[in-house]
Protein backbone atom coordinates (compact mmCIF):
# COMPACT_ATOMS: atom_id res chain seq x y z
CA MET A 1 98.58 92.52 119.39
CA LYS A 2 97.17 94.11 116.74
CA MET A 3 99.86 97.93 115.94
CA TYR A 4 97.16 100.29 117.17
CA THR A 5 97.15 99.42 119.78
CA TYR A 6 100.95 98.78 120.58
CA ILE A 7 101.30 102.22 119.43
CA ALA A 8 98.78 103.08 121.87
CA THR A 9 100.88 101.08 124.92
CA VAL A 10 103.83 103.10 123.97
CA ILE A 11 102.14 106.58 123.74
CA THR A 12 100.61 105.96 126.89
CA THR A 13 103.66 104.54 128.94
CA ASN A 14 105.97 107.67 127.68
CA THR A 15 103.18 109.93 128.94
CA ALA A 16 103.11 108.18 132.27
CA PHE A 17 106.78 108.33 132.28
CA GLY A 18 107.16 112.37 131.38
CA ILE A 19 104.13 113.74 133.91
CA ALA A 20 106.06 111.51 136.59
CA THR A 21 109.47 112.69 135.71
CA ILE A 22 108.33 116.27 135.25
CA GLY A 23 106.43 115.88 138.40
CA SER A 24 109.66 114.17 140.35
CA ALA A 25 111.06 117.45 139.19
CA TRP A 26 108.78 120.72 139.89
CA ALA A 27 108.41 117.94 143.75
CA TRP A 28 112.17 118.72 144.24
CA ARG A 29 112.87 122.39 143.52
CA TRP A 30 109.52 122.97 145.41
CA TRP A 31 112.03 120.93 148.33
CA LEU A 32 115.29 122.75 147.31
CA GLN A 33 113.66 126.11 147.69
CA ASN A 34 111.59 125.92 150.68
CA THR A 35 114.52 124.43 152.01
CA ASN A 36 116.51 127.23 150.85
CA LYS A 37 114.19 129.50 152.41
CA LYS A 38 114.75 127.53 156.09
CA ILE A 39 118.07 128.27 155.76
CA SER A 40 118.15 131.93 154.78
CA ARG A 41 116.47 132.35 157.95
CA GLY A 42 118.12 130.24 160.22
CA ALA A 43 115.70 128.25 160.54
CA LEU A 44 118.08 124.86 160.21
CA PRO A 45 121.58 123.38 160.79
CA SER A 46 124.47 125.60 158.40
CA ALA A 47 127.25 123.06 157.19
CA GLY A 48 128.97 123.72 159.79
CA ASP A 49 127.17 122.66 162.67
CA VAL A 50 125.94 119.07 160.88
CA LEU A 51 127.28 116.73 163.25
CA TYR A 52 129.27 114.22 160.53
CA ALA A 53 129.25 110.60 161.18
CA TYR A 54 131.89 109.27 159.52
């Protein structure tokens, strides 16, 4: 593999991982915010109402 092809592959791979990391962080943030809104509105059971299996 020629050096410039290797460098382009590394840059492309790093870019893909960066985009995936940022995208997953935003998805996680969105999910947390929506879940917190539902909990604050009482749409989800509170932690005290949850029955654990252990």
